[in-house]
Amino acid sequence: MPVARLAALAAVTLGLLAATPAQAATRPPTEVTGGLAVPWGVGFLPDGSALVTERDTARILSIRGGKATEVQKIADAQPTGGHGGLLGLAVSPNYQRDRTVFVYYSTKTDNRIAKLRLGRPPAPLVTGIPLGVKRNGGRLAFGPDGHLYATTGDTARPELAQDPKSLAGKVLRLTATGKPVLGNPFGTLVYSYGHRDPQGLTWDRDGRLFLAEAGDTQWDELNRVLPGRNYGWPLCEGTCGDPRFVDPLVVWRTEEATPSDIAYYQGSLYVAGLVGQRLWQVPLRDGRTGTPKALYHKEFGRLRTVEPAPDGSLWITTSNAPAPDRILRSEG
């Protein structure tokens, strides 16, 4: 390994050790509901009930009182036999007024972002996002600025991540009508670039944006996202110490994580691991990350989504298809 790379990794490790740890969510999780098929996106309505997408069935489910009920099926959503299908879901911050939900899904020809009222067909907002069997990204979340953010993967065409004109391998920022937000760094939907397969984003209490990103063969990443910045893929994986790229805050070997979603909860970042089959708890203080701690290692299999719930708990979904999947509830 080059000396510069070793030095950069050492700097990351020292930074982790220097930060102050926070208390982990250590109580054993309880099951909210089971019998699901790759639950992917989770969002909560004002009444406390949840909406959940299933990737391969293209169903939106309502979770209320531990019971899962199908609300509707997205007819245009097509599973790719890999990472595509019905993916992210975000509830409008103004749901009580507009009754709107946003979804990210794969069709036969593209990935797209759409809005809908439950029970009605989706109205596409962004189409033409490159489609692949794998690495489609797909997370949706509203930021503290009121705008919608989306993650897109490179769809196994790494060169697209470095192309600012492509929507692949990016974090996107858009209005509720699907337009670029005024002030976006390139005047387009693109907010940051050089990403491989980001599937999780969250903000801390001070509005900092963090991203979980699955690596290739060496390093998974936890990044802080800044507008207009380049995160290196495929020219850099992990910590490179190259001034052209933003180095990650934390790296893991791919067998330890392969992260999907990320959530900020009770002073820490929680990162769901697929191949790693564990939940990583990363203490956070003033934007600095503490020493990661592995929770629930191999207790529940592959973990996909983490989402803070209105009752103060943390919801965690499994991703163990063809075995039935579950939603778990953890308390700090």
Protein backbone atom coordinates (compact mmCIF):
# COMPACT_ATOMS: atom_id res chain seq x y z
CA MET A 1 0.00 0.00 0.00
CA PRO A 2 1.43 3.46 -0.89
CA VAL A 3 2.88 5.51 1.99
CA ALA A 4 0.40 8.36 1.38
CA ARG A 5 -2.51 5.94 1.68
CA LEU A 6 -1.15 4.44 4.91
CA ALA A 7 -0.68 7.91 6.37
CA ALA A 8 -4.21 8.93 5.43
CA LEU A 9 -5.67 5.79 6.98
CA ALA A 10 -3.67 6.39 10.14
CA ALA A 11 -5.06 9.92 10.33
CA VAL A 12 -8.61 8.59 10.08
CA THR A 13 -7.92 6.05 12.84
CA LEU A 14 -6.45 8.70 15.15
CA GLY A 15 -9.47 10.91 14.52
CA LEU A 16 -11.79 8.09 15.51
CA LEU A 17 -9.92 7.45 18.73
CA ALA A 18 -9.85 11.14 19.64
CA ALA A 19 -13.60 11.72 19.44
CA THR A 20 -15.80 11.03 22.44
CA PRO A 21 -18.04 7.93 22.16
CA ALA A 22 -21.80 8.17 22.67
CA GLN A 23 -24.09 5.60 24.22
CA ALA A 24 -25.11 2.84 21.80
CA ALA A 25 -28.62 1.49 21.29
CA THR A 26 -27.94 -1.72 23.24
CA ARG A 27 -31.39 -2.99 24.25
CA PRO A 28 -32.38 -6.15 22.38
CA PRO A 29 -34.60 -5.23 19.42
CA THR A 30 -38.20 -6.37 19.29
CA GLU A 31 -40.10 -7.32 16.14
CA VAL A 32 -42.54 -4.79 14.70
CA THR A 33 -43.73 -7.09 11.92
CA GLY A 34 -42.47 -9.97 9.78
CA GLY A 35 -43.18 -11.93 6.65
CA LEU A 36 -41.92 -9.15 4.36
CA ALA A 37 -39.99 -9.30 1.07
CA VAL A 38 -36.94 -7.00 0.96
CA PRO A 39 -38.40 -3.96 2.78
CA TRP A 40 -36.40 -1.01 1.43
CA GLY A 41 -37.83 2.47 2.04
CA VAL A 42 -39.43 3.51 5.35
CA GLY A 43 -41.33 6.71 6.08
CA PHE A 44 -43.66 7.78 8.88
CA LEU A 45 -46.99 9.57 8.52
CA PRO A 46 -48.20 12.25 10.95
CA ASP A 47 -50.45 9.70 12.72
CA GLY A 48 -47.39 7.60 13.64
CA SER A 49 -48.06 4.77 11.18
CA ALA A 50 -45.34 3.82 8.71
CA LEU A 51 -45.15 3.31 4.97
CA VAL A 52 -42.70 0.70 3.69
CA THR A 53 -41.69 -0.22 0.14
CA GLU A 54 -40.85 -3.78 -0.91
CA ARG A 55 -38.17 -3.84 -3.59
CA ASP A 56 -39.13 -6.97 -5.51
CA THR A 57 -42.94 -6.97 -5.13
CA ALA A 58 -43.28 -3.23 -5.93
CA ARG A 59 -45.75 -2.91 -3.05
CA ILE A 60 -46.21 0.00 -0.65
CA LEU A 61 -47.27 -1.31 2.75
CA SER A 62 -48.87 0.45 5.69
CA ILE A 63 -47.53 -0.68 9.08
CA ARG A 64 -49.95 0.00 11.88
CA GLY A 65 -50.14 -1.78 15.23
CA GLY A 66 -47.66 -4.40 14.04
CA LYS A 67 -49.80 -5.33 11.03
CA ALA A 68 -48.65 -4.86 7.43
CA THR A 69 -51.34 -4.00 4.89
CA GLU A 70 -50.82 -3.39 1.18
CA VAL A 71 -51.73 0.16 0.21
CA GLN A 72 -50.92 -0.09 -3.47
CA LYS A 73 -48.59 -1.58 -6.05
CA ILE A 74 -46.47 0.54 -8.39
CA ALA A 75 -47.27 -1.00 -11.78
CA ASP A 76 -44.30 0.52 -13.60
CA ALA A 77 -41.73 -0.62 -11.01
CA GLN A 78 -39.68 -3.55 -12.29
CA PRO A 79 -37.23 -5.60 -10.23
CA THR A 80 -33.92 -6.06 -12.06
CA GLY A 81 -33.01 -9.36 -10.47
CA GLY A 82 -30.34 -7.48 -8.55
CA HIS A 83 -30.53 -4.10 -6.86
CA GLY A 84 -33.42 -2.49 -8.74
CA GLY A 85 -37.16 -2.33 -8.14
CA LEU A 86 -39.25 -0.21 -5.78
CA LEU A 87 -36.63 1.43 -3.57
CA GLY A 88 -36.68 4.67 -1.60
CA LEU A 89 -39.67 6.42 -0.05
CA ALA A 90 -39.98 9.86 1.53
CA VAL A 91 -43.05 11.43 3.09
CA SER A 92 -43.66 15.07 2.24
CA PRO A 93 -42.85 17.43 5.14
CA ASN A 94 -46.23 19.01 4.32
CA TYR A 95 -48.11 15.70 4.23
CA GLN A 96 -51.04 16.92 6.31
CA ARG A 97 -51.70 19.49 3.62
CA ASP A 98 -50.60 17.83 0.36
CA ARG A 99 -50.98 14.09 1.22
CA THR A 100 -47.93 13.40 -0.98
CA VAL A 101 -45.37 10.62 -0.89
CA PHE A 102 -42.22 10.42 -3.04
CA VAL A 103 -40.80 7.14 -4.36
CA TYR A 104 -37.69 6.03 -6.29
CA TYR A 105 -38.10 3.02 -8.56
CA SER A 106 -36.71 1.13 -11.53
CA THR A 107 -38.69 0.66 -14.75
CA LYS A 108 -37.77 -1.40 -17.81
CA THR A 109 -35.70 1.50 -19.15
CA ASP A 110 -34.61 3.80 -16.32
CA ASN A 111 -34.64 4.71 -12.66
CA ARG A 112 -36.99 7.53 -11.73
CA ILE A 113 -38.34 9.65 -8.91
CA ALA A 114 -42.08 10.20 -8.69
CA LYS A 115 -44.69 11.63 -6.36
CA LEU A 116 -48.10 10.22 -5.56
CA ARG A 117 -51.09 10.32 -3.32
CA LEU A 118 -51.67 6.89 -1.82
CA GLY A 119 -53.87 4.81 -4.06
CA ARG A 120 -53.23 6.97 -7.12
CA PRO A 121 -50.71 6.36 -9.94
CA PRO A 122 -47.30 7.99 -9.49
CA ALA A 123 -46.50 11.21 -11.35
CA PRO A 124 -42.84 11.07 -12.52
CA LEU A 125 -40.66 14.04 -11.51
CA VAL A 126 -37.23 12.86 -12.68
CA THR A 127 -36.81 10.24 -15.40
CA GLY A 128 -33.81 8.95 -17.30
CA ILE A 129 -31.66 8.13 -14.27
CA PRO A 130 -29.37 5.37 -15.62
CA LEU A 131 -30.53 1.82 -14.88
CA GLY A 132 -28.48 -1.29 -14.14
CA VAL A 133 -29.00 -4.75 -12.76
CA LYS A 134 -26.91 -3.63 -9.80
CA ARG A 135 -25.84 -0.40 -8.08
CA ASN A 136 -28.94 1.73 -8.60
CA GLY A 137 -28.69 3.72 -5.36
CA GLY A 138 -32.25 4.68 -4.54
CA ARG A 139 -32.53 6.41 -1.17
CA LEU A 140 -34.82 9.44 -0.80
CA ALA A 141 -34.95 11.87 2.13
CA PHE A 142 -36.03 15.43 2.79
CA GLY A 143 -33.28 17.61 4.18
CA PRO A 144 -33.54 20.33 6.84
CA ASP A 145 -33.67 22.84 3.96
CA GLY A 146 -37.03 21.34 2.90
CA HIS A 147 -35.66 19.94 -0.37
CA LEU A 148 -35.64 16.33 -1.57
CA TYR A 149 -32.32 14.47 -1.79
CA ALA A 150 -31.74 11.24 -3.73
CA THR A 151 -28.83 8.84 -4.07
CA THR A 152 -28.02 7.22 -7.41
CA GLY A 153 -25.55 4.42 -8.15
CA ASP A 154 -23.13 4.09 -11.03
CA THR A 155 -25.16 1.10 -12.40
CA ALA A 156 -21.89 -0.85 -12.86
CA ARG A 157 -20.61 1.82 -15.29
CA PRO A 158 -18.01 3.49 -13.05
CA GLU A 159 -17.12 6.20 -15.56
CA LEU A 160 -20.58 7.75 -15.12
CA ALA A 161 -19.79 8.66 -11.51
CA GLN A 162 -17.13 11.14 -12.69
CA ASP A 163 -19.37 12.70 -15.38
CA PRO A 164 -21.13 15.75 -13.87
CA LYS A 165 -23.67 15.62 -16.73
CA SER A 166 -24.79 12.09 -15.85
CA LEU A 167 -27.31 11.42 -13.08
CA ALA A 168 -25.53 8.17 -12.13
CA GLY A 169 -23.18 7.93 -9.15
CA LYS A 170 -24.49 11.12 -7.57
CA VAL A 171 -26.34 12.75 -4.73
CA LEU A 172 -29.18 14.78 -6.25
CA ARG A 173 -31.03 17.74 -4.72
CA LEU A 174 -34.39 18.74 -6.14
CA THR A 175 -37.54 20.67 -5.39
CA ALA A 176 -40.85 18.95 -4.72
CA THR A 177 -41.66 19.54 -8.40
CA GLY A 178 -38.51 17.77 -9.60
CA LYS A 179 -36.50 20.86 -10.58
CA PRO A 180 -32.92 21.69 -9.58
CA VAL A 181 -32.75 23.70 -6.37
CA LEU A 182 -31.57 27.27 -6.87
CA GLY A 183 -27.95 27.29 -5.73
CA ASN A 184 -27.14 23.70 -6.70
CA PRO A 185 -23.42 23.72 -7.55
CA PHE A 186 -23.73 22.89 -11.27
CA GLY A 187 -27.13 24.45 -11.95
CA THR A 188 -28.50 20.90 -12.40
CA LEU A 189 -29.93 18.26 -10.09
CA VAL A 190 -26.40 17.11 -9.19
CA TYR A 191 -25.32 18.02 -5.65
CA SER A 192 -22.18 15.84 -5.33
CA TYR A 193 -20.50 13.24 -7.53
CA GLY A 194 -17.92 10.45 -7.66
CA HIS A 195 -20.11 7.96 -5.77
CA ARG A 196 -20.29 4.20 -6.41
CA ASP A 197 -23.49 2.91 -4.82
CA PRO A 198 -24.72 5.25 -2.08
CA GLN A 199 -27.89 3.92 -0.46
CA GLY A 200 -28.20 6.00 2.69
CA LEU A 201 -28.20 9.64 3.71
CA THR A 202 -29.00 11.53 6.89
CA TRP A 203 -28.39 14.84 8.67
CA ASP A 204 -27.21 15.51 12.19
CA ARG A 205 -28.81 18.08 14.49
CA ASP A 206 -26.64 20.83 13.00
CA GLY A 207 -27.69 20.09 9.43
CA ARG A 208 -24.54 18.27 8.28
CA LEU A 209 -25.25 15.71 5.54
CA PHE A 210 -23.76 12.21 5.87
CA LEU A 211 -23.72 9.43 3.29
CA ALA A 212 -23.22 5.65 3.50
CA GLU A 213 -21.60 4.18 0.43
CA ALA A 214 -20.86 0.58 -0.57
CA GLY A 215 -17.36 0.07 -1.93
CA ASP A 216 -16.04 -2.32 -4.55
CA THR A 217 -13.50 -4.84 -3.25
CA GLN A 218 -11.69 -2.96 -0.50
CA TRP A 219 -13.35 -0.10 1.37
CA ASP A 220 -16.87 0.95 2.31
CA GLU A 221 -17.27 4.58 3.27
CA LEU A 222 -19.04 6.96 5.61
CA ASN A 223 -18.81 10.41 4.03
CA ARG A 224 -19.79 13.93 4.90
CA VAL A 225 -21.34 15.40 1.77
CA LEU A 226 -20.51 18.94 0.66
CA PRO A 227 -22.04 20.59 -2.42
CA GLY A 228 -20.11 20.28 -5.66
CA ARG A 229 -17.42 18.01 -4.23
CA ASN A 230 -15.95 14.90 -5.85
CA TYR A 231 -15.86 11.71 -3.75
CA GLY A 232 -13.42 9.90 -6.00
CA TRP A 233 -15.02 6.79 -7.43
CA PRO A 234 -13.72 5.05 -9.54
CA LEU A 235 -10.37 6.88 -9.30
CA CYS A 236 -10.26 6.48 -5.54
CA GLU A 237 -11.79 3.91 -3.18
CA GLY A 238 -11.54 4.61 0.53
CA THR A 239 -8.98 7.08 1.89
CA CYS A 240 -6.57 8.27 -0.81
CA GLY A 241 -5.19 11.57 0.47
CA ASP A 242 -5.72 13.08 -2.99
CA PRO A 243 -6.68 16.78 -2.85
CA ARG A 244 -9.01 16.30 -5.84
CA PHE A 245 -11.31 14.13 -3.74
CA VAL A 246 -13.03 14.23 -0.35
CA ASP A 247 -11.72 11.49 1.95
CA PRO A 248 -14.28 9.51 3.99
CA LEU A 249 -14.73 10.03 7.71
CA VAL A 250 -14.77 6.28 8.35
CA VAL A 251 -13.85 3.26 6.23
CA TRP A 252 -14.65 -0.42 6.68
CA ARG A 253 -13.51 -3.49 4.82
CA THR A 254 -16.34 -4.50 2.49
CA GLU A 255 -16.87 -7.80 4.30
CA GLU A 256 -17.46 -5.85 7.53
CA ALA A 257 -20.22 -3.61 6.24
CA THR A 258 -21.37 -3.16 2.61
CA PRO A 259 -23.66 -0.44 3.96
CA SER A 260 -27.12 0.41 2.79
CA ASP A 261 -28.93 3.00 4.94
CA ILE A 262 -27.72 5.42 7.58
CA ALA A 263 -29.59 7.32 10.31
CA TYR A 264 -28.74 9.95 12.91
CA TYR A 265 -30.16 8.87 16.27
CA GLN A 266 -29.40 9.95 19.84
CA GLY A 267 -26.04 11.50 19.04
CA SER A 268 -24.71 8.75 16.79
CA LEU A 269 -24.81 7.67 13.18
CA TYR A 270 -26.20 4.16 12.67
CA VAL A 271 -25.14 2.34 9.49
CA ALA A 272 -26.92 -0.85 8.34
CA GLY A 273 -24.56 -3.55 7.04
CA LEU A 274 -25.63 -6.05 4.38
CA VAL A 275 -22.64 -8.36 3.86
CA GLY A 276 -21.37 -7.37 7.31
CA GLN A 277 -24.68 -8.44 8.93
CA ARG A 278 -24.40 -5.89 11.70
CA LEU A 279 -25.45 -2.38 12.66
CA TRP A 280 -22.53 0.02 13.03
CA GLN A 281 -22.93 2.69 15.67
CA VAL A 282 -20.63 5.66 15.04
CA PRO A 283 -20.61 8.32 17.80
CA LEU A 284 -20.77 11.85 16.47
CA ARG A 285 -19.71 15.03 18.23
CA ASP A 286 -19.51 18.40 16.49
CA GLY A 287 -19.27 16.61 13.16
CA ARG A 288 -16.37 14.39 14.31
CA THR A 289 -16.78 10.62 14.33
CA GLY A 290 -15.86 8.43 17.27
CA THR A 291 -14.86 4.78 17.35
CA PRO A 292 -17.40 2.59 15.46
CA LYS A 293 -19.06 -0.18 17.43
CA ALA A 294 -20.67 -3.25 15.85
CA LEU A 295 -24.14 -4.15 17.13
CA TYR A 296 -26.28 -7.28 16.54
CA HIS A 297 -23.52 -9.04 14.56
CA LYS A 298 -25.17 -11.94 12.66
CA GLU A 299 -28.17 -11.87 15.00
CA PHE A 300 -30.64 -10.85 12.29
CA GLY A 301 -28.73 -11.42 9.06
CA ARG A 302 -28.38 -8.68 6.44
CA LEU A 303 -29.58 -5.26 7.56
CA ARG A 304 -30.97 -2.81 5.00
CA THR A 305 -32.70 0.28 6.40
CA VAL A 306 -32.50 2.27 9.63
CA GLU A 307 -35.04 4.98 10.40
CA PRO A 308 -35.84 6.90 13.61
CA ALA A 309 -39.50 6.51 14.53
CA PRO A 310 -41.82 9.15 16.04
CA ASP A 311 -41.99 7.20 19.33
CA GLY A 312 -38.24 7.66 19.89
CA SER A 313 -37.18 4.20 18.77
CA LEU A 314 -35.03 3.14 15.82
CA TRP A 315 -36.53 0.89 13.15
CA ILE A 316 -34.27 -1.58 11.36
CA THR A 317 -35.24 -3.71 8.35
CA THR A 318 -33.64 -6.99 7.35
CA SER A 319 -32.79 -8.02 3.77
CA ASN A 320 -32.52 -11.82 3.81
CA ALA A 321 -34.56 -12.85 0.76
CA PRO A 322 -35.68 -15.47 -0.09
CA ALA A 323 -36.14 -15.89 3.68
CA PRO A 324 -38.95 -13.71 5.09
CA ASP A 325 -37.77 -10.29 6.23
CA ARG A 326 -38.63 -8.36 9.37
CA ILE A 327 -38.81 -4.87 10.76
CA LEU A 328 -37.15 -4.58 14.16
CA ARG A 329 -37.53 -1.87 16.79
CA SER A 330 -34.56 -0.83 18.94
CA GLU A 331 -34.42 1.66 21.81
CA GLY A 332 -31.38 3.55 23.07
